[in-house]
Amino acid sequence: MLLKLILITVVLMALAFAFIGIKMFVKKDGKFTKQCSTVDPRTGQRMGCTCGSEESTCHND
């Protein structure tokens, strides 16, 4: 029973990763977009450390 559950989990995870990759090829001009919070998604330029909005900056204490 445990082996069956692990096998189903692995198959579902593999399908999820495969569909993410397929989306890149099916979508017109498909590419993996930058999801990091330190990169402005509109310009692609790196930003400094921000906390929640573009105006605020984080302070390292």
C-alpha atoms as a PDB file:
ATOM      1  CA  MET A   1       0.000   0.000   0.000  1.00  0.00           C
ATOM      2  CA  LEU A   2       2.800   2.449   0.888  1.00  0.00           C
ATOM      3  CA  LEU A   3       4.674   1.631  -2.314  1.00  0.00           C
ATOM      4  CA  LYS A   4       1.530   2.317  -4.337  1.00  0.00           C
ATOM      5  CA  LEU A   5       1.092   5.708  -2.642  1.00  0.00           C
ATOM      6  CA  ILE A   6       4.726   6.655  -3.276  1.00  0.00           C
ATOM      7  CA  LEU A   7       4.433   5.607  -6.930  1.00  0.00           C
ATOM      8  CA  ILE A   8       1.279   7.690  -7.433  1.00  0.00           C
ATOM      9  CA  THR A   9       2.961  10.686  -5.785  1.00  0.00           C
ATOM     10  CA  VAL A  10       6.047  10.416  -7.996  1.00  0.00           C
ATOM     11  CA  VAL A  11       3.931  10.123 -11.145  1.00  0.00           C
ATOM     12  CA  LEU A  12       1.836  13.165 -10.230  1.00  0.00           C
ATOM     13  CA  MET A  13       4.936  15.229  -9.447  1.00  0.00           C
ATOM     14  CA  ALA A  14       6.522  14.207 -12.766  1.00  0.00           C
ATOM     15  CA  LEU A  15       3.375  15.222 -14.636  1.00  0.00           C
ATOM     16  CA  ALA A  16       3.311  18.593 -12.894  1.00  0.00           C
ATOM     17  CA  PHE A  17       6.915  19.340 -13.879  1.00  0.00           C
ATOM     18  CA  ALA A  18       6.287  18.107 -17.423  1.00  0.00           C
ATOM     19  CA  PHE A  19       3.248  20.350 -17.876  1.00  0.00           C
ATOM     20  CA  ILE A  20       5.206  23.367 -16.643  1.00  0.00           C
ATOM     21  CA  GLY A  21       7.878  22.636 -19.251  1.00  0.00           C
ATOM     22  CA  ILE A  22       5.322  21.982 -21.997  1.00  0.00           C
ATOM     23  CA  LYS A  23       3.654  25.331 -21.269  1.00  0.00           C
ATOM     24  CA  MET A  24       6.900  27.041 -22.231  1.00  0.00           C
ATOM     25  CA  PHE A  25       6.839  25.455 -25.712  1.00  0.00           C
ATOM     26  CA  VAL A  26       3.088  25.724 -26.393  1.00  0.00           C
ATOM     27  CA  LYS A  27       2.624  29.344 -25.309  1.00  0.00           C
ATOM     28  CA  LYS A  28       3.526  31.937 -27.961  1.00  0.00           C
ATOM     29  CA  ASP A  29       6.950  33.390 -27.096  1.00  0.00           C
ATOM     30  CA  GLY A  30       6.856  31.116 -24.066  1.00  0.00           C
ATOM     31  CA  LYS A  31       9.637  31.451 -21.550  1.00  0.00           C
ATOM     32  CA  PHE A  32      10.164  30.968 -17.866  1.00  0.00           C
ATOM     33  CA  THR A  33       9.597  34.379 -16.331  1.00  0.00           C
ATOM     34  CA  LYS A  34      11.719  35.647 -13.521  1.00  0.00           C
ATOM     35  CA  GLN A  35       9.835  35.178 -10.275  1.00  0.00           C
ATOM     36  CA  CYS A  36      12.493  36.498  -7.917  1.00  0.00           C
ATOM     37  CA  SER A  37      11.356  39.480  -5.878  1.00  0.00           C
ATOM     38  CA  THR A  38      14.669  41.270  -6.484  1.00  0.00           C
ATOM     39  CA  VAL A  39      14.054  41.493 -10.249  1.00  0.00           C
ATOM     40  CA  ASP A  40      11.531  43.952 -11.679  1.00  0.00           C
ATOM     41  CA  PRO A  41       9.265  41.793 -13.891  1.00  0.00           C
ATOM     42  CA  ARG A  42       8.456  44.710 -16.205  1.00  0.00           C
ATOM     43  CA  THR A  43      12.044  45.723 -16.994  1.00  0.00           C
ATOM     44  CA  GLY A  44      14.037  42.655 -15.965  1.00  0.00           C
ATOM     45  CA  GLN A  45      16.466  44.876 -14.060  1.00  0.00           C
ATOM     46  CA  ARG A  46      17.733  43.914 -10.628  1.00  0.00           C
ATOM     47  CA  MET A  47      16.403  45.929  -7.699  1.00  0.00           C
ATOM     48  CA  GLY A  48      17.676  46.434  -4.211  1.00  0.00           C
ATOM     49  CA  CYS A  49      16.141  44.709  -1.231  1.00  0.00           C
ATOM     50  CA  THR A  50      12.479  45.701  -0.992  1.00  0.00           C
ATOM     51  CA  CYS A  51       9.841  44.873   1.589  1.00  0.00           C
ATOM     52  CA  GLY A  52       6.361  44.573   0.136  1.00  0.00           C
ATOM     53  CA  SER A  53       6.417  47.524  -2.253  1.00  0.00           C
ATOM     54  CA  GLU A  54       8.763  49.377  -4.525  1.00  0.00           C
ATOM     55  CA  GLU A  55       9.018  52.425  -2.288  1.00  0.00           C
ATOM     56  CA  SER A  56      10.124  50.719   0.914  1.00  0.00           C
ATOM     57  CA  THR A  57      13.580  49.328   1.525  1.00  0.00           C
ATOM     58  CA  CYS A  58      14.772  46.766   4.041  1.00  0.00           C
ATOM     59  CA  HIS A  59      17.303  47.600   6.700  1.00  0.00           C
ATOM     60  CA  ASN A  60      19.753  44.961   7.888  1.00  0.00           C
ATOM     61  CA  ASP A  61      20.301  45.358  11.597  1.00  0.00           C
END
